Amino acid sequence: MLPDKLYFEITGHSRESHQIELRGDCLWHRQAEAPGARVISAKITPEPKQWQAFWRTVEAADVWHWQKAYSAEICDGTQWSLKMKLGDRQVRCAGSNAYPGSDAPDYSRSAQFSHWLRALRALTGHPIR
C-alpha cells in the first residue's frame, strides 16, 4: 500500500544527509556524505511485503501521533523533517537535535525514532542513520 505522500530528510553539521521522497510508485533516495559533497541518487521500487513491514513499524513507532516540532537548544547537530500521508492519516513534523519519545535533558535518539530509521533502511535498502 503506497502512501499518498512520503518525504523524509535528515541532515546535520559535518554529517551525511539523506532525503527520501515518493514520486509516483517509486522512492528516490538522495545521499551526501557531508555538506557540499557529491549527491548520490537512487530510484527504489519496494516490494509489497516491504511496504507491509514499513506500515507495521510506522504503527509500532506511533508515527501518526508525533508532535509538530521537537527541539533542543544545541548548536549544530541533527535536523530532520517528515511529511507523510496515507488516506485520511497524515503527519508533518520536524526536529532539531530532539526526537519523538525523548525528553529533556536527554535528547538522544529515542526507540521510536530508531524504529522509524530502521523501517526506512528496510524499505530503501540504504543505510540511513
Protein backbone atom coordinates (compact mmCIF):
# COMPACT_ATOMS: atom_id res chain seq x y z
CA MET A 1 0.00 0.00 0.00
CA LEU A 2 1.68 3.19 -1.22
CA PRO A 3 1.32 6.39 0.78
CA ASP A 4 -0.20 9.44 -0.84
CA LYS A 5 2.88 11.37 0.25
CA LEU A 6 6.20 10.44 1.80
CA TYR A 7 9.09 12.83 2.29
CA PHE A 8 11.83 12.46 4.89
CA GLU A 9 15.09 14.30 5.31
CA ILE A 10 17.82 14.03 7.92
CA THR A 11 20.96 16.12 7.88
CA GLY A 12 23.36 17.86 10.18
CA HIS A 13 26.55 19.78 10.66
CA SER A 14 29.51 17.77 9.30
CA ARG A 15 27.49 14.59 8.78
CA GLU A 16 25.94 12.66 5.94
CA SER A 17 22.48 13.62 4.78
CA HIS A 18 19.62 11.53 3.44
CA GLN A 19 16.46 12.53 1.63
CA ILE A 20 13.70 10.09 0.70
CA GLU A 21 10.79 11.14 -1.49
CA LEU A 22 7.93 9.21 -3.05
CA ARG A 23 7.39 10.04 -6.72
CA GLY A 24 4.63 8.02 -8.33
CA ASP A 25 5.17 4.43 -7.24
CA CYS A 26 8.94 4.79 -6.68
CA LEU A 27 11.05 6.17 -3.88
CA TRP A 28 14.02 8.38 -4.58
CA HIS A 29 16.88 8.31 -2.11
CA ARG A 30 19.48 11.06 -2.21
CA GLN A 31 22.57 10.87 -0.04
CA ALA A 32 25.59 13.10 0.51
CA GLU A 33 28.45 12.03 2.76
CA ALA A 34 28.93 15.58 4.08
CA PRO A 35 27.58 19.08 3.40
CA GLY A 36 28.69 20.14 -0.07
CA ALA A 37 29.71 16.60 -1.06
CA ARG A 38 28.58 14.89 -4.26
CA VAL A 39 24.96 13.71 -4.05
CA ILE A 40 24.23 10.09 -4.95
CA SER A 41 20.67 9.36 -6.11
CA ALA A 42 18.92 6.02 -6.33
CA LYS A 43 15.46 5.05 -7.59
CA ILE A 44 13.84 2.34 -5.45
CA THR A 45 10.70 0.28 -6.04
CA PRO A 46 9.89 -1.55 -2.79
CA GLU A 47 8.05 -4.86 -2.92
CA PRO A 48 4.57 -5.11 -1.34
CA LYS A 49 5.97 -7.12 1.59
CA GLN A 50 8.46 -4.30 2.28
CA TRP A 51 5.60 -1.79 2.37
CA GLN A 52 3.65 -4.05 4.74
CA ALA A 53 6.62 -4.27 7.11
CA PHE A 54 7.09 -0.50 6.84
CA TRP A 55 3.48 0.20 7.85
CA ARG A 56 3.75 -2.19 10.81
CA THR A 57 6.76 -0.24 12.03
CA VAL A 58 5.01 3.10 11.46
CA GLU A 59 2.21 1.90 13.74
CA ALA A 60 4.62 0.45 16.34
CA ALA A 61 6.58 3.73 16.46
CA ASP A 62 3.29 5.68 16.75
CA VAL A 63 4.44 7.96 13.92
CA TRP A 64 0.92 9.24 13.21
CA HIS A 65 0.89 10.88 16.66
CA TRP A 66 4.27 12.56 16.58
CA GLN A 67 4.21 16.24 17.55
CA LYS A 68 4.78 19.00 15.02
CA ALA A 69 8.17 20.04 16.39
CA TYR A 70 10.96 18.65 18.55
CA SER A 71 13.80 20.93 19.51
CA ALA A 72 16.77 21.04 21.84
CA GLU A 73 18.84 24.14 22.48
CA ILE A 74 22.03 22.73 20.99
CA CYS A 75 24.04 24.38 18.24
CA ASP A 76 24.73 22.33 15.15
CA GLY A 77 23.73 18.67 15.48
CA THR A 78 20.99 16.85 13.58
CA GLN A 79 17.91 18.24 11.84
CA TRP A 80 15.15 16.12 10.35
CA SER A 81 11.68 16.51 8.84
CA LEU A 82 8.89 14.17 7.86
CA LYS A 83 5.78 14.63 5.74
CA MET A 84 3.63 11.54 5.25
CA LYS A 85 0.03 10.97 4.23
CA LEU A 86 -1.96 7.79 3.81
CA GLY A 87 -5.67 8.25 3.14
CA ASP A 88 -7.06 10.45 5.92
CA ARG A 89 -3.99 9.98 8.16
CA GLN A 90 -1.12 12.39 7.93
CA VAL A 91 1.84 13.65 9.90
CA ARG A 92 4.04 16.71 9.38
CA CYS A 93 6.83 17.11 11.88
CA ALA A 94 10.43 18.14 12.27
CA GLY A 95 13.18 18.12 14.82
CA SER A 96 16.42 19.80 15.69
CA ASN A 97 18.57 17.67 17.99
CA ALA A 98 15.44 16.18 19.57
CA TYR A 99 13.21 13.22 18.72
CA PRO A 100 9.77 11.78 19.43
CA GLY A 101 9.86 9.88 22.72
CA SER A 102 12.88 11.78 24.12
CA ASP A 103 12.60 14.25 26.93
CA ALA A 104 14.86 16.97 28.32
CA PRO A 105 17.58 16.88 29.35
CA ASP A 106 18.31 13.63 27.44
CA TYR A 107 17.59 14.32 23.78
CA SER A 108 19.34 11.25 22.43
CA ARG A 109 17.58 9.28 19.71
CA SER A 110 14.55 7.51 21.09
CA ALA A 111 13.41 3.97 20.42
CA GLN A 112 10.54 5.41 18.36
CA PHE A 113 12.85 7.35 16.08
CA SER A 114 15.30 4.45 15.83
CA HIS A 115 12.41 2.18 14.75
CA TRP A 116 11.48 4.75 12.11
CA LEU A 117 15.03 4.84 10.72
CA ARG A 118 15.16 1.01 10.65
CA ALA A 119 11.88 0.97 8.73
CA LEU A 120 13.33 3.36 6.14
CA ARG A 121 16.50 1.28 5.85
CA ALA A 122 14.43 -1.87 5.26
CA LEU A 123 12.22 -0.08 2.72
CA THR A 124 15.05 1.50 0.75
CA GLY A 125 17.97 -0.85 1.31
CA HIS A 126 20.15 2.15 2.18
CA PRO A 127 21.98 2.80 5.48
CA ILE A 128 20.00 5.78 6.74
CA ARG A 129 21.42 6.98 10.04
